[in-house]
Structure formats: C-alpha cells, structure tokens
Amino acid sequence: MEGSAPRRTRIQQEKRELILEAALEVFSAKGFRGSTIDQIAEAAGMSKPNLLYYFRRKEDIHETLMQRLLETWLAPLRELDDIGDPLTELRSYIRRKLEMARDFPRESRLFANEILQGAPRIKPMLEGELKSLVDEKAAVIKGWMRAGKIARTDPWHLIFSIWATTQHYADFDVQVRAVLGADRGGDGRFEDAARFLEQLFLDGLKPKG
C-alpha cells in the first residue's frame, strides 16, 4: 500500500530482536540514564554503526521496549472478566502477576527504574492506556461490590496492592531469596507467595455475613 513502511526481512527482524534483548539486559541493570548505545551494541555482539542502522537513538530502543512491556503487563488485567466469579477472577489475576514476576524479572526492574525516575518517557502511556484500563476494571470490581459478591473496599487501591505485593518478588528477588535462605528460597517461593497472597486478599474480600 502506498505510503506504508516497507516490510522487514527475517534477518532484519532477528537483528532487531537481538538488539532489544541486549537492551533489556542493559537497561534493567543500569537504568536508562546509566546505559549507552555502546553498551547495548557490545551486549548484542554487533558494532555501534550496525546497531544504529536498526535504531537511530537510545530513546527509540527504550520506547520500543516500554511499549512491549506495557502490553505484557496489562494483559492479565485485561483478562479480568466481569461475568466470572469475582474471587476466582482475582485469584487468577494474583497468580498471573506472580508468574510474570517469576518469568519477567528484568522487565519488571526496567519498569520500576522508569517509574522511580518520574516516568519521563512513559507518562503518556500511564495517563492514557494504563489509566483507562484500571478505571475500567475498577468499575468491574465496584459492580461486584454492589452485587454483594465481595466486600466493599477501594478498587483502585486493591489493584495497586496486588501490583505491589506481586512485583516485589521480581524487583526485590535478591532480598527475598537471601531472607528465605536456601531451604525456602528456591522456585517454590512463588507458590508459597501465591498461597499467602490468595489468603491475604481473598479472605479479606469475602462478603460479610
């Protein structure tokens, strides 16, 4: 179609993915400000001029990563279904968030670093797509409350609390494993966390009486 961007070849797409994987490693370890194009090129095993053929600026790489990350991060919340059983839906959401903490720790640290810096590069995403989705799901949770299916509480702070407690296991993984020790700090820590958080949130949300 006239005016559309040319399709990338398979090799071009593979090179872009290689750069993005290397950038994720660098950004998650050093943050945006502490990272350089040279570091990303070295991690990707390519020359700086070769990298700049695919991405003109460090900002372009970071923006691509953050857009992908936000899509991944929002997927479990999008799946919260208003016609499902509320406690089942929330249990599934908690477990999906913990699975993401287990499977995507670098992405979680990248997001946390951006937020700690004041979100200068992703604030439009936060104020747009993220806010709209959270407002939509908060309305779903309020509907469950009005129907007497769960106890009344602040739905926005409920969502924030689930984020905080689940992402802790990615952002503070070293601390969690150190405190739990060798016996309890293995892969089973995520199942232990899931059971605890289910009890913490779901018991508190059961309708009174």
N, C-alpha and C. Protein backbone atom coordinates (compact mmCIF):
# COMPACT_ATOMS: atom_id res chain seq x y z
N MET A 1 0.86 -1.19 0.00
CA MET A 1 0.00 0.00 0.00
C MET A 1 0.89 1.24 0.00
N GLU A 2 0.53 2.25 -0.79
CA GLU A 2 1.35 3.45 -0.95
C GLU A 2 1.49 4.15 0.39
N GLY A 3 2.72 4.54 0.71
CA GLY A 3 2.98 5.28 1.93
C GLY A 3 3.23 4.40 3.14
N SER A 4 3.04 3.09 3.04
CA SER A 4 3.26 2.21 4.17
C SER A 4 4.74 1.88 4.29
N ALA A 5 5.18 1.56 5.52
CA ALA A 5 6.59 1.25 5.75
C ALA A 5 6.92 -0.08 5.10
N PRO A 6 8.12 -0.22 4.55
CA PRO A 6 8.50 -1.49 3.93
C PRO A 6 8.58 -2.60 4.97
N ARG A 7 8.20 -3.80 4.58
CA ARG A 7 8.26 -4.93 5.50
C ARG A 7 9.71 -5.29 5.76
N ARG A 8 10.00 -5.65 6.99
CA ARG A 8 11.35 -6.06 7.35
C ARG A 8 11.58 -7.49 6.91
N THR A 9 12.81 -7.78 6.52
CA THR A 9 13.18 -9.15 6.20
C THR A 9 13.31 -9.94 7.50
N ARG A 10 13.37 -11.26 7.35
CA ARG A 10 13.53 -12.11 8.54
C ARG A 10 14.81 -11.77 9.27
N ILE A 11 15.89 -11.54 8.54
CA ILE A 11 17.17 -11.22 9.18
C ILE A 11 17.09 -9.87 9.89
N GLN A 12 16.45 -8.89 9.27
CA GLN A 12 16.30 -7.59 9.91
C GLN A 12 15.51 -7.71 11.21
N GLN A 13 14.45 -8.50 11.18
CA GLN A 13 13.64 -8.69 12.39
C GLN A 13 14.45 -9.41 13.46
N GLU A 14 15.23 -10.39 13.07
CA GLU A 14 16.07 -11.11 14.03
C GLU A 14 17.09 -10.18 14.67
N LYS A 15 17.67 -9.28 13.86
CA LYS A 15 18.64 -8.32 14.39
C LYS A 15 17.99 -7.36 15.38
N ARG A 16 16.80 -6.90 15.05
CA ARG A 16 16.07 -6.01 15.97
C ARG A 16 15.79 -6.72 17.30
N GLU A 17 15.39 -7.97 17.22
CA GLU A 17 15.09 -8.72 18.44
C GLU A 17 16.36 -8.93 19.26
N LEU A 18 17.47 -9.16 18.59
CA LEU A 18 18.75 -9.31 19.28
C LEU A 18 19.12 -8.03 20.01
N ILE A 19 18.93 -6.89 19.36
CA ILE A 19 19.21 -5.60 19.98
C ILE A 19 18.30 -5.35 21.17
N LEU A 20 17.02 -5.65 21.01
CA LEU A 20 16.07 -5.41 22.09
C LEU A 20 16.36 -6.30 23.30
N GLU A 21 16.75 -7.54 23.06
CA GLU A 21 17.11 -8.44 24.15
C GLU A 21 18.34 -7.92 24.89
N ALA A 22 19.34 -7.47 24.14
CA ALA A 22 20.54 -6.90 24.76
C ALA A 22 20.21 -5.62 25.53
N ALA A 23 19.36 -4.79 24.95
CA ALA A 23 18.98 -3.54 25.60
C ALA A 23 18.22 -3.80 26.89
N LEU A 24 17.36 -4.81 26.89
CA LEU A 24 16.63 -5.16 28.11
C LEU A 24 17.60 -5.52 29.22
N GLU A 25 18.62 -6.28 28.89
CA GLU A 25 19.63 -6.66 29.89
C GLU A 25 20.35 -5.43 30.42
N VAL A 26 20.73 -4.53 29.53
CA VAL A 26 21.49 -3.35 29.94
C VAL A 26 20.61 -2.37 30.71
N PHE A 27 19.44 -2.05 30.16
CA PHE A 27 18.55 -1.08 30.81
C PHE A 27 18.09 -1.56 32.18
N SER A 28 17.78 -2.86 32.31
CA SER A 28 17.28 -3.36 33.59
C SER A 28 18.36 -3.35 34.66
N ALA A 29 19.62 -3.44 34.23
CA ALA A 29 20.73 -3.43 35.18
C ALA A 29 21.20 -2.02 35.50
N LYS A 30 21.20 -1.12 34.52
CA LYS A 30 21.82 0.20 34.68
C LYS A 30 20.83 1.35 34.63
N GLY A 31 19.58 1.08 34.26
CA GLY A 31 18.62 2.16 34.09
C GLY A 31 18.86 2.89 32.77
N PHE A 32 17.92 3.74 32.39
CA PHE A 32 18.04 4.44 31.11
C PHE A 32 19.25 5.38 31.11
N ARG A 33 19.38 6.18 32.16
CA ARG A 33 20.46 7.18 32.20
C ARG A 33 21.84 6.54 32.24
N GLY A 34 21.94 5.40 32.91
CA GLY A 34 23.24 4.77 33.04
C GLY A 34 23.63 3.89 31.87
N SER A 35 22.77 3.78 30.89
CA SER A 35 23.03 2.90 29.74
C SER A 35 23.47 3.71 28.53
N THR A 36 24.28 3.09 27.70
CA THR A 36 24.75 3.75 26.48
C THR A 36 24.53 2.84 25.27
N ILE A 37 24.51 3.45 24.10
CA ILE A 37 24.42 2.69 22.86
C ILE A 37 25.59 1.72 22.74
N ASP A 38 26.78 2.15 23.15
CA ASP A 38 27.96 1.28 23.08
C ASP A 38 27.77 0.02 23.92
N GLN A 39 27.19 0.18 25.13
CA GLN A 39 26.96 -0.97 26.00
C GLN A 39 25.96 -1.94 25.38
N ILE A 40 24.92 -1.38 24.78
CA ILE A 40 23.91 -2.23 24.15
C ILE A 40 24.49 -2.96 22.94
N ALA A 41 25.28 -2.24 22.14
CA ALA A 41 25.91 -2.87 20.97
C ALA A 41 26.84 -4.00 21.40
N GLU A 42 27.60 -3.76 22.45
CA GLU A 42 28.51 -4.80 22.95
C GLU A 42 27.73 -6.02 23.43
N ALA A 43 26.65 -5.77 24.17
CA ALA A 43 25.83 -6.88 24.67
C ALA A 43 25.18 -7.65 23.54
N ALA A 44 24.87 -6.95 22.44
CA ALA A 44 24.25 -7.60 21.28
C ALA A 44 25.28 -8.27 20.37
N GLY A 45 26.55 -8.02 20.62
CA GLY A 45 27.60 -8.61 19.81
C GLY A 45 27.68 -8.03 18.42
N MET A 46 27.41 -6.72 18.30
CA MET A 46 27.50 -6.07 17.00
C MET A 46 28.15 -4.70 17.14
N SER A 47 28.53 -4.13 16.02
CA SER A 47 29.16 -2.81 16.06
C SER A 47 28.11 -1.74 16.32
N LYS A 48 28.57 -0.60 16.81
CA LYS A 48 27.65 0.52 17.04
C LYS A 48 27.01 0.99 15.73
N PRO A 49 27.76 1.17 14.63
CA PRO A 49 27.12 1.57 13.37
C PRO A 49 26.04 0.58 12.91
N ASN A 50 26.30 -0.71 13.11
CA ASN A 50 25.31 -1.72 12.73
C ASN A 50 24.04 -1.56 13.56
N LEU A 51 24.20 -1.35 14.86
CA LEU A 51 23.03 -1.15 15.72
C LEU A 51 22.23 0.08 15.29
N LEU A 52 22.96 1.17 14.97
CA LEU A 52 22.28 2.42 14.62
C LEU A 52 21.56 2.33 13.28
N TYR A 53 21.84 1.30 12.51
CA TYR A 53 21.07 1.06 11.28
C TYR A 53 19.64 0.68 11.63
N TYR A 54 19.47 -0.03 12.76
CA TYR A 54 18.15 -0.52 13.16
C TYR A 54 17.42 0.43 14.09
N PHE A 55 18.16 1.11 14.96
CA PHE A 55 17.58 2.08 15.89
C PHE A 55 18.47 3.32 15.89
N ARG A 56 17.89 4.46 15.59
CA ARG A 56 18.70 5.68 15.45
C ARG A 56 19.18 6.22 16.79
N ARG A 57 18.38 5.98 17.85
CA ARG A 57 18.72 6.58 19.14
C ARG A 57 18.45 5.58 20.27
N LYS A 58 19.11 5.80 21.39
CA LYS A 58 18.85 5.00 22.58
C LYS A 58 17.38 5.13 22.98
N GLU A 59 16.84 6.32 22.82
CA GLU A 59 15.44 6.56 23.18
C GLU A 59 14.49 5.69 22.38
N ASP A 60 14.81 5.44 21.11
CA ASP A 60 13.95 4.61 20.26
C ASP A 60 13.92 3.17 20.76
N ILE A 61 15.07 2.67 21.18
CA ILE A 61 15.14 1.31 21.71
C ILE A 61 14.32 1.22 22.99
N HIS A 62 14.52 2.19 23.87
CA HIS A 62 13.82 2.19 25.15
C HIS A 62 12.31 2.29 24.95
N GLU A 63 11.88 3.14 24.04
CA GLU A 63 10.45 3.31 23.80
C GLU A 63 9.83 2.01 23.28
N THR A 64 10.53 1.32 22.38
CA THR A 64 10.02 0.05 21.87
C THR A 64 9.88 -0.97 22.98
N LEU A 65 10.89 -1.04 23.84
CA LEU A 65 10.83 -1.97 24.97
C LEU A 65 9.68 -1.64 25.92
N MET A 66 9.49 -0.35 26.22
CA MET A 66 8.46 0.04 27.17
C MET A 66 7.06 -0.21 26.61
N GLN A 67 6.88 0.00 25.31
CA GLN A 67 5.58 -0.28 24.70
C GLN A 67 5.25 -1.77 24.79
N ARG A 68 6.24 -2.60 24.50
CA ARG A 68 6.05 -4.05 24.60
C ARG A 68 5.76 -4.44 26.05
N LEU A 69 6.52 -3.86 26.95
CA LEU A 69 6.38 -4.20 28.36
C LEU A 69 4.99 -3.85 28.87
N LEU A 70 4.50 -2.68 28.50
CA LEU A 70 3.18 -2.27 28.98
C LEU A 70 2.11 -3.21 28.44
N GLU A 71 2.24 -3.63 27.19
CA GLU A 71 1.28 -4.59 26.62
C GLU A 71 1.30 -5.90 27.41
N THR A 72 2.49 -6.38 27.74
CA THR A 72 2.62 -7.61 28.50
C THR A 72 2.05 -7.45 29.90
N TRP A 73 2.37 -6.32 30.53
CA TRP A 73 1.96 -6.05 31.92
C TRP A 73 0.45 -5.93 32.04
N LEU A 74 -0.18 -5.38 31.02
CA LEU A 74 -1.62 -5.14 31.10
C LEU A 74 -2.46 -6.36 30.72
N ALA A 75 -1.85 -7.34 30.09
CA ALA A 75 -2.61 -8.50 29.61
C ALA A 75 -3.38 -9.19 30.73
N PRO A 76 -2.78 -9.49 31.90
CA PRO A 76 -3.57 -10.16 32.94
C PRO A 76 -4.74 -9.32 33.45
N LEU A 77 -4.57 -8.01 33.53
CA LEU A 77 -5.66 -7.16 34.00
C LEU A 77 -6.78 -7.12 32.96
N ARG A 78 -6.43 -7.12 31.69
CA ARG A 78 -7.45 -7.14 30.64
C ARG A 78 -8.32 -8.39 30.74
N GLU A 79 -7.74 -9.48 31.22
CA GLU A 79 -8.46 -10.75 31.28
C GLU A 79 -9.43 -10.83 32.46
N LEU A 80 -9.40 -9.86 33.36
CA LEU A 80 -10.34 -9.84 34.48
C LEU A 80 -11.75 -9.70 33.92
N ASP A 81 -12.56 -10.73 34.11
CA ASP A 81 -13.85 -10.85 33.40
C ASP A 81 -15.00 -10.51 34.34
N ASP A 82 -15.82 -9.54 33.94
CA ASP A 82 -16.90 -9.09 34.82
C ASP A 82 -17.99 -10.15 35.01
N ILE A 83 -18.09 -11.11 34.09
CA ILE A 83 -19.13 -12.13 34.24
C ILE A 83 -18.63 -13.36 34.99
N GLY A 84 -17.35 -13.40 35.33
CA GLY A 84 -16.81 -14.53 36.07
C GLY A 84 -17.06 -14.39 37.56
N ASP A 85 -16.76 -15.46 38.30
CA ASP A 85 -16.84 -15.39 39.76
C ASP A 85 -15.74 -14.47 40.27
N PRO A 86 -16.08 -13.45 41.08
CA PRO A 86 -15.09 -12.45 41.48
C PRO A 86 -13.85 -13.02 42.16
N LEU A 87 -14.03 -13.92 43.12
CA LEU A 87 -12.87 -14.45 43.84
C LEU A 87 -12.01 -15.32 42.93
N THR A 88 -12.64 -16.05 42.02
CA THR A 88 -11.88 -16.84 41.05
C THR A 88 -11.10 -15.93 40.11
N GLU A 89 -11.74 -14.86 39.65
CA GLU A 89 -11.08 -13.92 38.75
C GLU A 89 -9.88 -13.25 39.43
N LEU A 90 -10.06 -12.84 40.68
CA LEU A 90 -8.97 -12.17 41.41
C LEU A 90 -7.86 -13.15 41.76
N ARG A 91 -8.22 -14.39 42.08
CA ARG A 91 -7.19 -15.41 42.34
C ARG A 91 -6.34 -15.62 41.09
N SER A 92 -6.99 -15.71 39.94
CA SER A 92 -6.27 -15.89 38.68
C SER A 92 -5.37 -14.70 38.40
N TYR A 93 -5.86 -13.50 38.69
CA TYR A 93 -5.06 -12.29 38.44
C TYR A 93 -3.81 -12.28 39.31
N ILE A 94 -3.97 -12.61 40.60
CA ILE A 94 -2.82 -12.65 41.51
C ILE A 94 -1.78 -13.65 41.00
N ARG A 95 -2.25 -14.82 40.59
CA ARG A 95 -1.31 -15.85 40.13
C ARG A 95 -0.63 -15.44 38.81
N ARG A 96 -1.37 -14.82 37.92
CA ARG A 96 -0.76 -14.36 36.66
C ARG A 96 0.33 -13.32 36.94
N LYS A 97 0.05 -12.42 37.88
CA LYS A 97 1.05 -11.39 38.22
C LYS A 97 2.29 -12.01 38.85
N LEU A 98 2.11 -13.02 39.67
CA LEU A 98 3.26 -13.70 40.25
C LEU A 98 4.05 -14.48 39.19
N GLU A 99 3.34 -15.07 38.25
CA GLU A 99 4.02 -15.76 37.15
C GLU A 99 4.87 -14.77 36.35
N MET A 100 4.36 -13.57 36.17
CA MET A 100 5.12 -12.56 35.45
C MET A 100 6.34 -12.13 36.25
N ALA A 101 6.20 -12.02 37.57
CA ALA A 101 7.35 -11.68 38.42
C ALA A 101 8.42 -12.75 38.31
N ARG A 102 7.98 -14.00 38.20
CA ARG A 102 8.92 -15.12 38.07
C ARG A 102 9.57 -15.15 36.69
N ASP A 103 8.77 -14.93 35.64
CA ASP A 103 9.23 -15.14 34.27
C ASP A 103 9.84 -13.90 33.62
N PHE A 104 9.49 -12.70 34.12
CA PHE A 104 9.95 -11.46 33.50
C PHE A 104 10.57 -10.50 34.53
N PRO A 105 11.56 -10.96 35.29
CA PRO A 105 12.14 -10.08 36.32
C PRO A 105 12.86 -8.86 35.74
N ARG A 106 13.51 -9.03 34.60
CA ARG A 106 14.23 -7.88 34.01
C ARG A 106 13.25 -6.81 33.55
N GLU A 107 12.15 -7.26 32.96
CA GLU A 107 11.14 -6.31 32.50
C GLU A 107 10.55 -5.54 33.69
N SER A 108 10.32 -6.25 34.79
CA SER A 108 9.78 -5.60 35.98
C SER A 108 10.75 -4.56 36.52
N ARG A 109 12.04 -4.89 36.55
CA ARG A 109 13.03 -3.92 37.04
C ARG A 109 13.16 -2.73 36.10
N LEU A 110 13.04 -2.98 34.80
CA LEU A 110 13.08 -1.88 33.83
C LEU A 110 11.94 -0.91 34.08
N PHE A 111 10.74 -1.45 34.29
CA PHE A 111 9.57 -0.61 34.55
C PHE A 111 9.74 0.15 35.86
N ALA A 112 10.22 -0.54 36.90
CA ALA A 112 10.42 0.11 38.20
C ALA A 112 11.43 1.24 38.11
N ASN A 113 12.51 1.02 37.35
CA ASN A 113 13.52 2.08 37.18
C ASN A 113 12.92 3.31 36.52
N GLU A 114 12.09 3.08 35.52
CA GLU A 114 11.46 4.20 34.81
C GLU A 114 10.53 4.98 35.75
N ILE A 115 9.75 4.26 36.55
CA ILE A 115 8.83 4.91 37.48
C ILE A 115 9.61 5.71 38.53
N LEU A 116 10.69 5.14 39.05
CA LEU A 116 11.48 5.83 40.07
C LEU A 116 12.11 7.12 39.55
N GLN A 117 12.32 7.20 38.25
CA GLN A 117 12.88 8.41 37.64
C GLN A 117 11.78 9.42 37.27
N GLY A 118 10.53 9.12 37.65
CA GLY A 118 9.44 10.04 37.36
C GLY A 118 8.70 9.74 36.07
N ALA A 119 8.99 8.58 35.47
CA ALA A 119 8.33 8.14 34.23
C ALA A 119 8.39 9.17 33.11
N PRO A 120 9.56 9.79 32.86
CA PRO A 120 9.61 10.85 31.85
C PRO A 120 9.32 10.38 30.44
N ARG A 121 9.57 9.09 30.17
CA ARG A 121 9.41 8.60 28.80
C ARG A 121 8.11 7.80 28.60
N ILE A 122 7.40 7.50 29.68
CA ILE A 122 6.19 6.69 29.51
C ILE A 122 4.96 7.32 30.16
N LYS A 123 5.07 8.55 30.63
CA LYS A 123 3.92 9.16 31.31
C LYS A 123 2.67 9.18 30.43
N PRO A 124 2.78 9.49 29.12
CA PRO A 124 1.56 9.43 28.29
C PRO A 124 0.90 8.06 28.29
N MET A 125 1.69 6.99 28.32
CA MET A 125 1.13 5.64 28.39
C MET A 125 0.40 5.43 29.72
N LEU A 126 1.01 5.91 30.81
CA LEU A 126 0.41 5.74 32.13
C LEU A 126 -0.89 6.51 32.24
N GLU A 127 -0.88 7.75 31.74
CA GLU A 127 -2.06 8.60 31.85
C GLU A 127 -3.13 8.25 30.82
N GLY A 128 -2.75 7.49 29.82
CA GLY A 128 -3.68 7.11 28.76
C GLY A 128 -4.15 5.68 28.91
N GLU A 129 -3.42 4.76 28.27
CA GLU A 129 -3.85 3.36 28.19
C GLU A 129 -3.96 2.71 29.57
N LEU A 130 -2.96 2.92 30.42
CA LEU A 130 -2.98 2.29 31.74
C LEU A 130 -4.13 2.80 32.59
N LYS A 131 -4.30 4.12 32.67
CA LYS A 131 -5.38 4.69 33.47
C LYS A 131 -6.75 4.23 32.98
N SER A 132 -6.94 4.22 31.67
CA SER A 132 -8.23 3.80 31.12
C SER A 132 -8.56 2.37 31.51
N LEU A 133 -7.56 1.48 31.42
CA LEU A 133 -7.81 0.08 31.74
C LEU A 133 -8.08 -0.10 33.23
N VAL A 134 -7.30 0.57 34.08
CA VAL A 134 -7.50 0.44 35.53
C VAL A 134 -8.88 0.99 35.92
N ASP A 135 -9.26 2.11 35.35
CA ASP A 135 -10.60 2.66 35.63
C ASP A 135 -11.69 1.67 35.21
N GLU A 136 -11.50 1.05 34.05
CA GLU A 136 -12.48 0.08 33.55
C GLU A 136 -12.61 -1.10 34.50
N LYS A 137 -11.48 -1.64 34.96
CA LYS A 137 -11.52 -2.81 35.84
C LYS A 137 -11.94 -2.42 37.26
N ALA A 138 -11.64 -1.20 37.68
CA ALA A 138 -12.15 -0.73 38.98
C ALA A 138 -13.67 -0.69 38.96
N ALA A 139 -14.25 -0.30 37.82
CA ALA A 139 -15.70 -0.29 37.69
C ALA A 139 -16.27 -1.71 37.76
N VAL A 140 -15.55 -2.69 37.20
CA VAL A 140 -15.97 -4.08 37.30
C VAL A 140 -15.99 -4.52 38.76
N ILE A 141 -14.92 -4.19 39.49
CA ILE A 141 -14.83 -4.58 40.90
C ILE A 141 -15.92 -3.89 41.72
N LYS A 142 -16.20 -2.63 41.42
CA LYS A 142 -17.28 -1.92 42.12
C LYS A 142 -18.63 -2.58 41.84
N GLY A 143 -18.81 -3.08 40.63
CA GLY A 143 -20.04 -3.80 40.30
C GLY A 143 -20.20 -5.06 41.14
N TRP A 144 -19.10 -5.79 41.34
CA TRP A 144 -19.15 -6.97 42.20
C TRP A 144 -19.52 -6.58 43.63
N MET A 145 -19.00 -5.45 44.07
CA MET A 145 -19.31 -4.99 45.43
C MET A 145 -20.79 -4.62 45.56
N ARG A 146 -21.30 -3.90 44.58
CA ARG A 146 -22.71 -3.51 44.62
C ARG A 146 -23.64 -4.73 44.61
N ALA A 147 -23.19 -5.78 43.93
CA ALA A 147 -23.99 -7.01 43.86
C ALA A 147 -23.82 -7.88 45.11
N GLY A 148 -22.97 -7.45 46.04
CA GLY A 148 -22.76 -8.20 47.27
C GLY A 148 -21.89 -9.43 47.10
N LYS A 149 -21.14 -9.50 45.99
CA LYS A 149 -20.31 -10.68 45.72
C LYS A 149 -18.98 -10.63 46.44
N ILE A 150 -18.48 -9.42 46.72
CA ILE A 150 -17.27 -9.25 47.51
C ILE A 150 -17.48 -8.08 48.47
N ALA A 151 -16.64 -8.02 49.50
CA ALA A 151 -16.74 -6.95 50.48
C ALA A 151 -16.38 -5.61 49.84
N ARG A 152 -16.93 -4.57 50.39
CA ARG A 152 -16.66 -3.23 49.86
C ARG A 152 -15.26 -2.76 50.26
N THR A 153 -14.56 -2.20 49.29
CA THR A 153 -13.23 -1.64 49.52
C THR A 153 -12.95 -0.68 48.37
N ASP A 154 -11.79 -0.07 48.37
CA ASP A 154 -11.41 0.83 47.28
C ASP A 154 -10.80 0.00 46.15
N PRO A 155 -11.45 -0.09 45.00
CA PRO A 155 -10.95 -0.98 43.94
C PRO A 155 -9.60 -0.55 43.36
N TRP A 156 -9.34 0.76 43.29
CA TRP A 156 -8.06 1.23 42.76
C TRP A 156 -6.92 0.80 43.68
N HIS A 157 -7.11 0.98 44.98
CA HIS A 157 -6.05 0.59 45.92
C HIS A 157 -5.92 -0.92 46.04
N LEU A 158 -6.99 -1.65 45.77
CA LEU A 158 -6.88 -3.10 45.70
C LEU A 158 -5.96 -3.50 44.56
N ILE A 159 -6.16 -2.90 43.38
CA ILE A 159 -5.29 -3.19 42.24
C ILE A 159 -3.86 -2.78 42.53
N PHE A 160 -3.65 -1.59 43.11
CA PHE A 160 -2.30 -1.14 43.44
C PHE A 160 -1.63 -2.13 44.40
N SER A 161 -2.38 -2.62 45.38
CA SER A 161 -1.82 -3.53 46.37
C SER A 161 -1.41 -4.86 45.75
N ILE A 162 -2.21 -5.34 44.80
CA ILE A 162 -1.83 -6.58 44.10
C ILE A 162 -0.56 -6.35 43.29
N TRP A 163 -0.48 -5.20 42.62
CA TRP A 163 0.77 -4.88 41.90
C TRP A 163 1.97 -4.88 42.84
N ALA A 164 1.82 -4.18 43.96
CA ALA A 164 2.96 -4.00 44.88
C ALA A 164 3.44 -5.34 45.45
N THR A 165 2.50 -6.17 45.88
CA THR A 165 2.89 -7.42 46.54
C THR A 165 3.41 -8.45 45.55
N THR A 166 2.90 -8.48 44.35
CA THR A 166 3.38 -9.48 43.39
C THR A 166 4.70 -9.04 42.75
N GLN A 167 4.82 -7.78 42.36
CA GLN A 167 6.04 -7.33 41.70
C GLN A 167 7.22 -7.25 42.66
N HIS A 168 6.94 -7.27 43.96
CA HIS A 168 8.03 -7.34 44.94
C HIS A 168 8.93 -8.54 44.68
N TYR A 169 8.33 -9.64 44.23
CA TYR A 169 9.09 -10.87 44.04
C TYR A 169 9.98 -10.83 42.80
N ALA A 170 9.82 -9.82 41.97
CA ALA A 170 10.75 -9.58 40.86
C ALA A 170 11.75 -8.50 41.24
N ASP A 171 11.24 -7.35 41.70
CA ASP A 171 12.10 -6.19 41.94
C ASP A 171 13.04 -6.40 43.13
N PHE A 172 12.61 -7.21 44.12
CA PHE A 172 13.43 -7.45 45.31
C PHE A 172 13.76 -8.93 45.44
N ASP A 173 13.95 -9.59 44.30
CA ASP A 173 14.19 -11.03 44.30
C ASP A 173 15.42 -11.41 45.11
N VAL A 174 16.49 -10.64 44.99
CA VAL A 174 17.71 -10.96 45.74
C VAL A 174 17.45 -10.93 47.23
N GLN A 175 16.71 -9.92 47.68
CA GLN A 175 16.38 -9.80 49.10
C GLN A 175 15.48 -10.96 49.55
N VAL A 176 14.48 -11.29 48.75
CA VAL A 176 13.56 -12.38 49.09
C VAL A 176 14.33 -13.69 49.26
N ARG A 177 15.21 -14.00 48.30
CA ARG A 177 15.96 -15.27 48.36
C ARG A 177 16.94 -15.28 49.53
N ALA A 178 17.55 -14.12 49.80
CA ALA A 178 18.51 -14.04 50.91
C ALA A 178 17.81 -14.27 52.25
N VAL A 179 16.66 -13.67 52.44
CA VAL A 179 15.94 -13.79 53.71
C VAL A 179 15.34 -15.18 53.88
N LEU A 180 14.79 -15.74 52.81
CA LEU A 180 14.19 -17.08 52.89
C LEU A 180 15.24 -18.16 53.07
N GLY A 181 16.45 -17.92 52.55
CA GLY A 181 17.51 -18.91 52.68
C GLY A 181 17.39 -20.03 51.66
N ALA A 182 18.37 -20.92 51.69
CA ALA A 182 18.45 -21.98 50.68
C ALA A 182 17.25 -22.91 50.73
N ASP A 183 16.73 -23.18 51.92
CA ASP A 183 15.64 -24.15 52.04
C ASP A 183 14.33 -23.64 51.46
N ARG A 184 14.07 -22.33 51.60
CA ARG A 184 12.76 -21.80 51.19
C ARG A 184 12.86 -20.83 50.02
N GLY A 185 14.09 -20.52 49.57
CA GLY A 185 14.28 -19.51 48.54
C GLY A 185 14.36 -20.03 47.13
N GLY A 186 14.00 -21.30 46.92
CA GLY A 186 14.02 -21.86 45.57
C GLY A 186 12.78 -21.49 44.79
N ASP A 187 12.53 -22.24 43.70
CA ASP A 187 11.38 -21.93 42.84
C ASP A 187 10.05 -22.03 43.58
N GLY A 188 10.02 -22.84 44.63
CA GLY A 188 8.78 -22.99 45.39
C GLY A 188 8.33 -21.73 46.09
N ARG A 189 9.21 -20.72 46.16
CA ARG A 189 8.83 -19.47 46.85
C ARG A 189 7.65 -18.79 46.15
N PHE A 190 7.51 -18.98 44.85
CA PHE A 190 6.41 -18.34 44.14
C PHE A 190 5.07 -18.99 44.48
N GLU A 191 5.06 -20.31 44.64
CA GLU A 191 3.82 -20.98 45.04
C GLU A 191 3.48 -20.62 46.48
N ASP A 192 4.50 -20.55 47.34
CA ASP A 192 4.27 -20.11 48.72
C ASP A 192 3.68 -18.71 48.74
N ALA A 193 4.24 -17.83 47.91
CA ALA A 193 3.73 -16.46 47.84
C ALA A 193 2.30 -16.43 47.33
N ALA A 194 2.00 -17.25 46.32
CA ALA A 194 0.66 -17.27 45.76
C ALA A 194 -0.36 -17.69 46.81
N ARG A 195 -0.05 -18.72 47.57
CA ARG A 195 -0.99 -19.18 48.60
C ARG A 195 -1.20 -18.10 49.66
N PHE A 196 -0.11 -17.45 50.07
CA PHE A 196 -0.24 -16.41 51.08
C PHE A 196 -1.07 -15.24 50.56
N LEU A 197 -0.77 -14.78 49.36
CA LEU A 197 -1.48 -13.61 48.82
C LEU A 197 -2.95 -13.92 48.55
N GLU A 198 -3.23 -15.13 48.12
CA GLU A 198 -4.63 -15.52 47.96
C GLU A 198 -5.37 -15.42 49.29
N GLN A 199 -4.74 -15.93 50.35
CA GLN A 199 -5.36 -15.85 51.67
C GLN A 199 -5.52 -14.40 52.11
N LEU A 200 -4.46 -13.61 51.91
CA LEU A 200 -4.48 -12.21 52.34
C LEU A 200 -5.60 -11.43 51.65
N PHE A 201 -5.67 -11.52 50.33
CA PHE A 201 -6.63 -10.72 49.58
C PHE A 201 -8.03 -11.33 49.58
N LEU A 202 -8.11 -12.61 49.28
CA LEU A 202 -9.41 -13.22 49.06
C LEU A 202 -10.20 -13.40 50.35
N ASP A 203 -9.53 -13.74 51.44
CA ASP A 203 -10.24 -13.83 52.71
C ASP A 203 -10.80 -12.46 53.11
N GLY A 204 -10.01 -11.43 52.84
CA GLY A 204 -10.47 -10.08 53.17
C GLY A 204 -11.60 -9.57 52.29
N LEU A 205 -11.75 -10.19 51.11
CA LEU A 205 -12.77 -9.74 50.16
C LEU A 205 -14.06 -10.56 50.22
N LYS A 206 -14.06 -11.63 51.00
CA LYS A 206 -15.28 -12.44 51.09
C LYS A 206 -16.39 -11.61 51.70
N PRO A 207 -17.60 -11.71 51.17
CA PRO A 207 -18.72 -10.92 51.70
C PRO A 207 -18.95 -11.23 53.18
N LYS A 208 -19.24 -10.20 53.94
CA LYS A 208 -19.50 -10.38 55.37
C LYS A 208 -20.92 -10.90 55.57
N GLY A 209 -21.05 -11.85 56.50
CA GLY A 209 -22.37 -12.36 56.84
C GLY A 209 -22.87 -13.45 55.92
